[in-house]
N, C-alpha and C. Protein backbone atom coordinates (compact mmCIF):
# COMPACT_ATOMS: atom_id res chain seq x y z
N UNK A 1 9.83 -25.87 9.31
CA UNK A 1 8.86 -24.72 8.49
C UNK A 1 8.26 -24.00 9.64
N UNK A 2 7.84 -24.32 10.69
CA UNK A 2 7.35 -23.61 11.39
C UNK A 2 8.50 -22.44 12.21
N UNK A 3 10.04 -22.76 12.13
CA UNK A 3 10.53 -21.89 12.50
C UNK A 3 10.97 -20.54 11.50
N UNK A 4 10.47 -21.39 10.13
CA UNK A 4 10.72 -19.95 9.20
C UNK A 4 9.77 -19.19 9.49
N UNK A 5 8.40 -19.33 9.41
CA UNK A 5 6.97 -18.88 10.13
C UNK A 5 7.10 -17.47 10.73
N UNK A 6 7.38 -18.32 12.09
CA UNK A 6 7.74 -17.69 12.86
C UNK A 6 8.76 -16.35 13.29
N UNK A 7 10.35 -16.71 12.62
CA UNK A 7 10.80 -16.11 11.51
C UNK A 7 10.46 -14.94 11.24
N UNK A 8 9.86 -15.01 9.92
CA UNK A 8 8.90 -14.09 9.00
C UNK A 8 7.97 -13.47 9.78
N UNK A 9 6.68 -13.90 10.68
CA UNK A 9 6.22 -12.91 11.50
C UNK A 9 7.25 -11.54 12.02
N UNK A 10 8.17 -12.70 12.73
CA UNK A 10 8.93 -11.45 13.94
C UNK A 10 9.74 -10.15 12.79
N UNK A 11 10.45 -10.45 11.69
CA UNK A 11 10.56 -9.47 10.90
C UNK A 11 8.49 -8.52 10.16
N UNK A 12 8.35 -9.30 10.21
CA UNK A 12 7.31 -8.55 9.92
C UNK A 12 6.90 -7.55 10.87
N UNK A 13 7.06 -7.85 12.12
CA UNK A 13 6.42 -7.48 13.13
C UNK A 13 7.51 -5.81 13.10
N UNK A 14 8.89 -6.51 13.48
CA UNK A 14 9.99 -5.28 13.85
C UNK A 14 10.16 -4.00 12.29
N UNK A 15 9.86 -4.86 11.02
CA UNK A 15 10.36 -3.62 10.11
C UNK A 15 10.21 -2.67 9.56
N UNK A 16 8.63 -2.02 10.60
CA UNK A 16 8.40 -0.81 10.46
C UNK A 16 9.64 -0.03 11.51
N UNK A 17 9.58 -0.29 12.77
CA UNK A 17 10.60 0.01 13.36
C UNK A 17 12.06 0.38 13.21
N UNK A 18 12.17 -0.68 12.34
CA UNK A 18 14.03 -0.74 12.00
C UNK A 18 13.87 0.63 10.84
N UNK A 19 12.75 0.74 9.79
CA UNK A 19 12.20 1.30 8.83
C UNK A 19 12.56 3.33 9.68
N UNK A 20 11.56 2.83 10.43
CA UNK A 20 11.18 4.64 10.68
C UNK A 20 11.25 4.61 12.46
N UNK A 21 12.54 4.26 13.24
CA UNK A 21 12.55 4.09 14.48
C UNK A 21 11.79 3.24 15.32
N UNK A 22 12.44 2.94 16.36
CA UNK A 22 11.74 2.01 17.07
C UNK A 22 9.94 2.34 18.15
N UNK A 23 9.60 3.45 17.60
CA UNK A 23 8.57 3.29 18.33
C UNK A 23 7.11 3.75 16.89
N UNK A 24 7.42 3.52 16.36
CA UNK A 24 6.21 3.59 15.03
C UNK A 24 6.25 4.95 14.71
N UNK A 25 6.69 5.69 14.63
CA UNK A 25 6.80 7.03 14.19
C UNK A 25 5.77 7.01 12.54
N UNK A 26 4.67 8.48 12.64
CA UNK A 26 3.57 8.15 11.46
C UNK A 26 4.76 8.37 10.29
N UNK A 27 4.33 7.68 9.25
CA UNK A 27 4.51 7.88 7.68
C UNK A 27 4.59 9.24 7.36
N UNK A 28 5.73 9.69 6.74
CA UNK A 28 5.72 10.99 6.57
C UNK A 28 4.34 11.43 5.64
N UNK A 29 4.31 12.81 5.96
CA UNK A 29 3.01 13.09 5.05
C UNK A 29 3.49 13.81 4.07
N UNK A 30 3.58 13.12 2.78
CA UNK A 30 3.95 13.57 1.26
C UNK A 30 3.02 13.62 0.63
N UNK A 31 3.07 14.11 -0.18
CA UNK A 31 2.55 15.15 -1.24
C UNK A 31 2.16 14.17 -2.61
N UNK A 32 1.11 13.44 -2.44
CA UNK A 32 0.79 12.34 -3.90
C UNK A 32 0.55 13.41 -5.28
N UNK A 33 1.23 13.14 -6.58
CA UNK A 33 0.90 13.71 -7.14
C UNK A 33 0.20 12.67 -8.56
N UNK A 34 -1.09 13.00 -8.66
CA UNK A 34 -2.10 11.86 -9.66
C UNK A 34 -1.12 11.73 -10.87
N UNK A 35 -0.98 10.88 -11.68
CA UNK A 35 -0.50 10.10 -13.08
C UNK A 35 -1.34 11.30 -13.78
N UNK A 36 -2.64 11.51 -13.67
CA UNK A 36 -3.44 11.46 -14.76
C UNK A 36 -3.29 13.47 -14.77
N UNK A 37 -2.85 14.04 -13.43
CA UNK A 37 -2.42 15.60 -14.01
C UNK A 37 -3.36 16.12 -13.07
N UNK A 38 -4.49 15.88 -12.10
CA UNK A 38 -5.16 15.97 -11.31
C UNK A 38 -5.10 16.13 -9.46
N UNK A 39 -5.45 17.19 -9.06
CA UNK A 39 -5.18 17.75 -7.90
C UNK A 39 -4.08 16.70 -7.09
N UNK A 40 -3.42 17.34 -6.39
CA UNK A 40 -2.57 16.33 -5.47
C UNK A 40 -3.08 16.34 -4.41
N UNK A 41 -2.97 15.37 -3.71
CA UNK A 41 -3.55 14.81 -2.40
C UNK A 41 -2.55 14.54 -1.31
N UNK A 42 -2.62 14.89 -0.14
CA UNK A 42 -1.43 14.25 1.06
C UNK A 42 -1.94 13.41 1.90
N UNK A 43 -1.23 12.92 2.52
CA UNK A 43 -1.42 11.67 3.44
C UNK A 43 -2.41 11.94 4.16
N UNK A 44 -2.21 12.95 4.83
CA UNK A 44 -3.33 13.44 6.30
C UNK A 44 -4.44 13.65 5.67
N UNK A 45 -4.84 13.65 4.37
CA UNK A 45 -6.19 13.95 4.15
C UNK A 45 -7.02 12.30 4.64
N UNK A 46 -5.92 11.56 4.64
CA UNK A 46 -7.11 10.14 5.02
C UNK A 46 -6.40 9.62 6.35
N UNK A 47 -6.06 10.79 7.19
CA UNK A 47 -6.46 10.69 8.59
C UNK A 47 -7.88 9.85 9.17
N UNK A 48 -7.37 8.76 9.59
CA UNK A 48 -9.01 7.95 10.27
C UNK A 48 -9.13 7.15 9.76
N UNK A 49 -7.99 6.60 8.54
CA UNK A 49 -8.27 5.56 7.42
C UNK A 49 -7.60 4.77 7.50
N UNK A 50 -7.65 3.51 7.56
CA UNK A 50 -6.78 2.88 6.77
C UNK A 50 -5.93 2.95 5.37
N UNK A 51 -4.55 3.08 5.38
CA UNK A 51 -4.10 3.49 4.46
C UNK A 51 -3.27 2.60 3.42
N UNK A 52 -2.83 1.75 2.12
CA UNK A 52 -2.30 0.73 1.83
C UNK A 52 -1.59 2.04 0.79
N UNK A 53 -0.13 2.19 1.00
CA UNK A 53 0.68 2.94 0.26
C UNK A 53 1.57 1.88 -0.37
N UNK A 54 1.37 1.60 -2.09
CA UNK A 54 1.74 -0.01 -3.12
C UNK A 54 2.93 1.25 -3.83
N UNK A 55 3.79 0.64 -3.50
CA UNK A 55 5.07 0.94 -4.41
C UNK A 55 5.92 0.52 -5.74
N UNK A 56 5.56 0.57 -7.36
CA UNK A 56 5.03 -0.35 -8.01
C UNK A 56 5.84 0.45 -9.67
N UNK A 57 5.97 -0.53 -10.36
CA UNK A 57 6.40 -0.32 -11.90
C UNK A 57 5.91 -1.00 -12.65
N UNK A 58 6.02 -0.72 -13.89
CA UNK A 58 5.21 -0.94 -15.12
C UNK A 58 6.01 -2.08 -15.26
N UNK A 59 7.30 -2.34 -15.25
CA UNK A 59 8.43 -3.24 -15.11
C UNK A 59 8.42 -4.16 -14.53
N UNK A 60 8.01 -4.30 -13.46
CA UNK A 60 7.97 -5.40 -12.40
C UNK A 60 7.11 -5.74 -12.71
N UNK A 61 7.75 -7.79 -12.50
CA UNK A 61 6.34 -9.10 -12.90
C UNK A 61 6.01 -8.94 -11.78
N UNK A 62 6.34 -8.86 -10.50
CA UNK A 62 5.61 -9.02 -9.42
C UNK A 62 4.53 -8.03 -9.40
N UNK A 63 4.31 -6.74 -9.46
CA UNK A 63 4.04 -5.76 -9.47
C UNK A 63 2.48 -6.16 -10.40
N UNK A 64 3.00 -6.54 -11.37
CA UNK A 64 1.78 -6.33 -11.80
C UNK A 64 0.76 -7.59 -11.76
N UNK A 65 1.59 -8.45 -11.36
CA UNK A 65 0.54 -9.36 -10.66
C UNK A 65 -0.22 -8.62 -8.85
N UNK A 66 0.46 -8.23 -7.90
CA UNK A 66 -0.25 -7.58 -7.05
C UNK A 66 -1.08 -6.31 -7.31
N UNK A 67 -0.70 -5.42 -8.12
CA UNK A 67 -1.57 -4.67 -8.13
C UNK A 67 -3.14 -4.62 -8.50
N UNK A 68 -3.38 -5.33 -9.51
CA UNK A 68 -4.70 -5.75 -9.58
C UNK A 68 -5.41 -6.40 -8.20
N UNK A 69 -4.50 -7.58 -7.68
CA UNK A 69 -5.36 -7.29 -6.09
C UNK A 69 -5.65 -6.79 -5.33
N UNK A 70 -4.15 -6.06 -5.19
CA UNK A 70 -4.91 -4.69 -4.40
C UNK A 70 -6.18 -3.70 -4.37
N UNK A 71 -5.84 -3.76 -6.14
CA UNK A 71 -7.43 -3.01 -6.26
C UNK A 71 -8.84 -3.68 -5.63
N UNK A 72 -8.78 -5.01 -6.13
CA UNK A 72 -9.74 -5.99 -5.79
C UNK A 72 -10.28 -5.62 -4.67
N UNK A 73 -8.83 -5.96 -3.34
CA UNK A 73 -9.07 -6.03 -2.13
C UNK A 73 -9.57 -4.59 -1.56
N UNK A 74 -9.26 -3.69 -1.87
CA UNK A 74 -10.01 -1.94 -1.80
C UNK A 74 -11.17 -2.48 -2.22
N UNK A 75 -11.93 -2.89 -3.39
CA UNK A 75 -12.98 -2.71 -3.03
C UNK A 75 -13.69 -3.78 -1.93
N UNK A 76 -13.47 -4.87 -1.93
CA UNK A 76 -13.85 -5.97 -1.53
C UNK A 76 -13.81 -5.07 0.06
N UNK A 77 -12.84 -4.41 0.97
CA UNK A 77 -13.19 -3.70 2.19
C UNK A 77 -13.50 -2.11 1.97
N UNK A 78 -14.00 -1.97 1.15
CA UNK A 78 -14.53 -0.54 0.81
C UNK A 78 -15.54 0.13 1.85
N UNK A 79 -16.36 -0.98 2.79
CA UNK A 79 -17.10 -0.62 4.42
C UNK A 79 -15.92 -0.37 5.30
N UNK A 80 -14.53 -0.65 4.70
CA UNK A 80 -13.79 -0.67 6.27
C UNK A 80 -12.91 1.01 6.20
N UNK A 81 -13.23 1.85 5.21
CA UNK A 81 -12.49 3.09 4.42
C UNK A 81 -11.41 2.98 3.84
N UNK A 82 -10.36 1.39 3.54
CA UNK A 82 -9.80 1.69 3.36
C UNK A 82 -9.41 2.20 1.79
N UNK A 83 -8.12 3.21 2.13
CA UNK A 83 -7.61 3.96 0.40
C UNK A 83 -6.49 3.62 0.13
N UNK A 84 -6.56 3.20 -1.15
CA UNK A 84 -5.19 2.68 -2.09
C UNK A 84 -4.34 3.58 -2.36
N UNK A 85 -3.52 4.04 -2.34
CA UNK A 85 -2.36 5.01 -2.87
C UNK A 85 -1.57 3.99 -3.70
N UNK A 86 -1.56 3.81 -5.09
CA UNK A 86 -0.68 3.50 -5.87
C UNK A 86 0.26 3.90 -6.32
N UNK A 87 1.57 3.60 -5.90
CA UNK A 87 2.71 5.21 -6.26
C UNK A 87 3.49 4.88 -7.24
N UNK A 88 3.77 5.18 -8.58
CA UNK A 88 3.97 4.09 -9.69
C UNK A 88 5.73 4.98 -9.25
N UNK A 89 6.81 4.63 -9.79
CA UNK A 89 7.80 4.73 -9.85
C UNK A 89 9.03 4.64 -11.61
N UNK A 90 7.90 4.34 -11.98
CA UNK A 90 9.12 4.53 -13.30
C UNK A 90 9.76 5.87 -13.76
N UNK A 91 10.79 5.54 -14.75
CA UNK A 91 11.06 6.94 -14.85
C UNK A 91 10.68 7.91 -15.61
N UNK A 92 8.99 7.41 -15.91
CA UNK A 92 8.22 8.60 -16.09
C UNK A 92 7.07 8.32 -15.94
N UNK A 93 6.04 8.93 -16.07
CA UNK A 93 4.48 8.99 -15.41
C UNK A 93 4.13 8.24 -16.51
N UNK A 94 4.35 8.80 -18.02
CA UNK A 94 3.50 8.56 -18.83
C UNK A 94 3.48 7.12 -19.15
N UNK A 95 5.05 6.34 -18.61
CA UNK A 95 4.72 4.97 -18.72
C UNK A 95 4.09 4.00 -17.82
N UNK A 96 3.77 4.71 -16.38
CA UNK A 96 2.86 3.83 -15.89
C UNK A 96 1.27 3.83 -16.09
N UNK A 97 0.93 5.44 -16.29
CA UNK A 97 -0.22 5.33 -17.63
C UNK A 97 -0.34 4.48 -18.50
N UNK A 98 0.12 4.32 -19.18
CA UNK A 98 0.19 3.44 -20.23
C UNK A 98 -0.28 1.91 -19.72
N UNK A 99 0.81 1.83 -18.76
CA UNK A 99 0.17 0.19 -18.49
C UNK A 99 -1.12 0.08 -18.04
N UNK A 100 -1.09 0.61 -16.51
CA UNK A 100 -2.21 1.35 -16.63
C UNK A 100 -3.79 0.58 -17.75
N UNK A 101 -3.71 1.72 -18.64
CA UNK A 101 -4.30 1.72 -19.27
C UNK A 101 -4.49 0.66 -20.30
N UNK A 102 -3.22 -0.11 -20.79
CA UNK A 102 -3.53 -1.50 -21.50
C UNK A 102 -3.75 -2.39 -20.54
N UNK A 103 -3.53 -2.71 -19.45
CA UNK A 103 -3.94 -3.26 -18.36
C UNK A 103 -5.27 -3.61 -17.87
N UNK A 104 -5.67 -2.47 -17.86
CA UNK A 104 -7.40 -2.18 -18.01
C UNK A 104 -7.26 -1.97 -16.34
N UNK A 105 -6.55 -1.93 -15.85
CA UNK A 105 -6.17 -1.20 -14.19
C UNK A 105 -7.22 -0.25 -14.05
N UNK A 106 -8.32 -0.33 -13.08
CA UNK A 106 -8.71 0.86 -12.69
C UNK A 106 -8.80 1.86 -11.37
N UNK A 107 -7.58 2.29 -11.38
CA UNK A 107 -6.89 3.13 -10.07
C UNK A 107 -6.67 4.40 -10.25
N UNK A 108 -6.36 5.25 -9.24
CA UNK A 108 -5.91 6.31 -9.59
C UNK A 108 -4.26 5.94 -8.79
N UNK A 109 -3.56 6.48 -9.48
CA UNK A 109 -2.38 5.95 -9.04
C UNK A 109 -1.03 7.38 -9.43
N UNK A 110 -0.13 7.59 -8.18
CA UNK A 110 0.55 8.68 -8.12
C UNK A 110 1.66 8.64 -8.25
N UNK A 111 2.47 9.54 -8.24
CA UNK A 111 3.90 9.50 -7.88
C UNK A 111 4.45 10.57 -6.97
N UNK A 112 6.03 10.21 -6.49
CA UNK A 112 6.12 11.06 -5.43
C UNK A 112 7.58 12.11 -6.02
N UNK A 113 7.76 13.03 -5.18
CA UNK A 113 9.12 13.72 -5.83
C UNK A 113 10.60 12.57 -5.46
N UNK A 114 11.10 12.82 -6.18
CA UNK A 114 12.58 12.17 -6.05
C UNK A 114 12.99 12.29 -4.44
N UNK A 115 12.96 13.85 -4.22
CA UNK A 115 13.10 13.76 -2.36
C UNK A 115 12.54 12.60 -1.53
N UNK A 116 11.49 12.51 -1.85
CA UNK A 116 10.21 11.82 -1.23
C UNK A 116 9.94 10.57 -0.67
N UNK A 117 10.27 10.35 -2.21
CA UNK A 117 11.05 8.57 -2.56
C UNK A 117 12.65 8.55 -1.95
N UNK A 118 13.02 9.13 -1.62
CA UNK A 118 14.50 8.79 -1.05
C UNK A 118 14.48 8.95 0.36
N UNK A 119 13.46 9.76 0.45
CA UNK A 119 13.06 10.00 2.69
C UNK A 119 12.80 8.78 2.91
N UNK A 120 11.96 8.10 2.06
CA UNK A 120 11.00 6.97 2.64
C UNK A 120 11.89 5.85 2.38
N UNK A 121 13.11 5.78 0.99
CA UNK A 121 13.65 4.47 1.28
C UNK A 121 13.29 3.12 0.60
N UNK A 122 12.36 3.33 -0.09
CA UNK A 122 12.24 2.19 -0.67
C UNK A 122 12.86 1.48 -1.53
N UNK A 123 13.49 0.23 -1.51
CA UNK A 123 14.85 -0.63 -2.21
C UNK A 123 13.85 -1.70 -2.47
N UNK A 124 13.44 -2.30 -2.87
CA UNK A 124 13.01 -3.30 -3.55
C UNK A 124 11.48 -3.40 -4.35
N UNK A 125 10.91 -3.19 -5.05
CA UNK A 125 9.20 -3.89 -5.89
C UNK A 125 8.72 -4.87 -5.74
N UNK A 126 7.63 -4.91 -5.73
CA UNK A 126 6.31 -4.32 -4.90
C UNK A 126 6.74 -3.94 -3.60
N UNK A 127 6.45 -2.75 -2.71
CA UNK A 127 6.70 -2.68 -1.73
C UNK A 127 5.07 -2.03 -1.08
N UNK A 128 4.88 -2.53 -0.36
CA UNK A 128 3.16 -2.08 0.17
C UNK A 128 2.90 -1.93 1.68
N UNK A 129 2.67 -0.93 2.10
CA UNK A 129 3.04 -0.45 3.27
C UNK A 129 1.55 0.01 3.68
N UNK A 130 0.89 -0.59 4.97
CA UNK A 130 -0.05 -0.75 5.60
C UNK A 130 -0.15 0.28 7.01
N UNK A 131 -0.81 1.67 6.67
CA UNK A 131 -0.78 2.38 7.57
C UNK A 131 -1.96 2.25 8.04
N UNK A 132 -1.99 2.35 9.52
CA UNK A 132 -3.42 2.91 10.66
C UNK A 132 -4.13 3.96 10.33
N UNK A 133 -4.99 4.40 10.75
CA UNK A 133 -5.80 5.85 11.05
C UNK A 133 -4.99 6.45 11.64
N UNK A 134 -4.15 6.76 11.88
CA UNK A 134 -3.43 6.99 12.76
C UNK A 134 -2.09 7.77 11.88
N UNK A 135 -2.27 6.85 10.37
CA UNK A 135 -0.75 7.34 9.96
C UNK A 135 0.30 6.20 10.32
N UNK A 136 0.33 5.53 11.52
CA UNK A 136 1.25 4.86 12.11
C UNK A 136 1.71 3.63 10.90
N UNK A 137 2.94 3.05 10.12
CA UNK A 137 2.80 1.95 9.66
C UNK A 137 2.60 0.94 10.27
N UNK A 138 1.61 -0.48 10.00
CA UNK A 138 1.13 -1.61 10.93
C UNK A 138 1.68 -2.61 10.45
N UNK A 139 2.46 -2.46 9.20
CA UNK A 139 2.62 -3.61 8.10
C UNK A 139 4.09 -3.29 7.12
N UNK A 140 4.38 -3.60 7.07
CA UNK A 140 4.99 -3.65 5.28
C UNK A 140 5.48 -4.70 4.86
N UNK A 141 4.97 -4.60 3.31
CA UNK A 141 5.69 -5.79 2.65
C UNK A 141 6.18 -5.14 1.53
N UNK A 142 7.44 -6.59 1.17
CA UNK A 142 8.70 -6.02 0.53
C UNK A 142 8.44 -7.55 -0.36
N UNK A 143 8.10 -7.72 -1.61
CA UNK A 143 8.27 -8.33 -2.80
C UNK A 143 7.10 -8.92 -2.67
N UNK A 144 6.45 -9.80 -3.54
CA UNK A 144 4.83 -10.09 -3.97
C UNK A 144 5.21 -11.95 -3.30
N UNK A 145 3.90 -11.80 -2.57
CA UNK A 145 3.23 -13.34 -1.86
C UNK A 145 1.40 -13.37 -1.96
N UNK A 146 1.40 -14.89 -2.53
CA UNK A 146 0.07 -14.80 -2.37
C UNK A 146 -0.69 -14.26 -1.07
N UNK A 147 -0.08 -14.37 -0.10
CA UNK A 147 -0.41 -14.07 1.47
C UNK A 147 -0.56 -12.93 1.67
N UNK A 148 0.24 -11.59 0.88
CA UNK A 148 0.58 -10.54 1.27
C UNK A 148 -1.63 -9.88 1.46
N UNK A 149 -2.24 -10.62 0.35
CA UNK A 149 -3.67 -10.06 0.16
C UNK A 149 -4.37 -10.46 1.83
N UNK A 150 -4.35 -11.43 1.92
CA UNK A 150 -5.41 -12.14 3.23
C UNK A 150 -4.58 -11.56 4.31
N UNK A 151 -3.12 -11.17 4.43
CA UNK A 151 -2.74 -10.45 5.94
C UNK A 151 -3.12 -8.99 5.52
N UNK A 152 -3.10 -8.31 4.86
CA UNK A 152 -3.56 -6.85 4.34
C UNK A 152 -5.09 -6.82 4.96
N UNK A 153 -5.78 -7.89 4.63
CA UNK A 153 -7.54 -8.50 5.18
C UNK A 153 -7.61 -8.49 6.71
N UNK A 154 -6.60 -9.00 6.85
CA UNK A 154 -7.18 -9.42 8.39
C UNK A 154 -6.94 -8.04 9.23
N UNK A 155 -5.44 -7.52 8.89
CA UNK A 155 -5.42 -6.72 10.03
C UNK A 155 -6.38 -5.35 9.43
N UNK A 156 -6.49 -5.27 8.36
CA UNK A 156 -7.67 -3.73 8.06
C UNK A 156 -8.64 -3.88 8.76
N UNK A 157 -9.30 -5.56 8.71
CA UNK A 157 -10.76 -5.83 9.62
C UNK A 157 -10.43 -5.96 10.96
N UNK A 158 -8.81 -6.20 11.60
CA UNK A 158 -8.80 -5.85 12.83
C UNK A 158 -8.94 -4.21 13.48
N UNK A 159 -8.79 -3.35 12.50
CA UNK A 159 -8.68 -1.73 12.31
C UNK A 159 -9.85 -1.29 12.26
N UNK A 160 -10.73 -2.32 11.78
CA UNK A 160 -12.09 -1.45 11.91
C UNK A 160 -12.67 -2.50 12.58
N UNK A 161 -12.58 -3.51 13.08
CA UNK A 161 -13.61 -4.09 14.05
C UNK A 161 -14.83 -5.00 13.30
N UNK A 162 -14.44 -5.54 12.26
CA UNK A 162 -15.09 -6.01 11.49
C UNK A 162 -14.98 -7.12 10.89
N UNK A 163 -16.03 -8.06 10.69
CA UNK A 163 -15.21 -9.49 9.61
C UNK A 163 -15.73 -9.56 8.68
N UNK A 164 -14.82 -10.11 7.65
CA UNK A 164 -15.34 -9.70 5.94
C UNK A 164 -16.93 -9.96 5.34
N UNK A 165 -17.53 -10.89 6.35
CA UNK A 165 -19.21 -10.61 5.78
C UNK A 165 -19.51 -9.24 5.94
N UNK A 166 -19.53 -8.87 7.20
CA UNK A 166 -19.77 -7.28 7.37
C UNK A 166 -19.45 -5.87 6.32
N UNK A 167 -18.18 -6.25 6.28
CA UNK A 167 -17.57 -5.16 5.23
C UNK A 167 -18.47 -5.43 3.91
N UNK A 168 -18.16 -6.49 3.47
CA UNK A 168 -18.76 -6.83 2.21
C UNK A 168 -20.50 -6.28 2.03
N UNK A 169 -20.47 -6.10 3.33
CA UNK A 169 -22.04 -5.67 2.85
C UNK A 169 -22.45 -4.62 3.23
N UNK A 170 -21.63 -3.41 3.56
CA UNK A 170 -21.38 -2.43 3.49
C UNK A 170 -21.66 -1.60 2.28
N UNK A 171 -22.40 -0.63 2.23
CA UNK A 171 -22.32 0.30 0.90
C UNK A 171 -21.52 1.06 0.29
């Protein structure tokens, strides 16, 4: 068991460099198009803040579990400035929007162009990427595990230099 945990930790630490080169280059400054048709946002708009980029689809069972947990975590860590950019990869924006409405999940969900999705290279769902305030991939999570939320919580707290009590008390 200890060997598995060690190997998993090594993979999580090395995966960003495997995906984006060995030097933790910045995540591409892509344009996020809201499902609801509002104004697009650029990743660089959130510099200085930790950002979760979560790729999901309405037909993905693990995504249906993880997405509400990420929304809750974002609210819990609001004092850290954590931003959630939930990127829907359904074949149509309407399918993603319908899922959110039916599930009662309140968040701003986005889409990327096909070219941007190919450039990023997401191969499985859910995939969640935690970026630090400089836009560098701090951690990449593929698939769902209950431990993902706690890992994100600890990393974000480390980025902001706070503990969970002080984050929860922030306005």
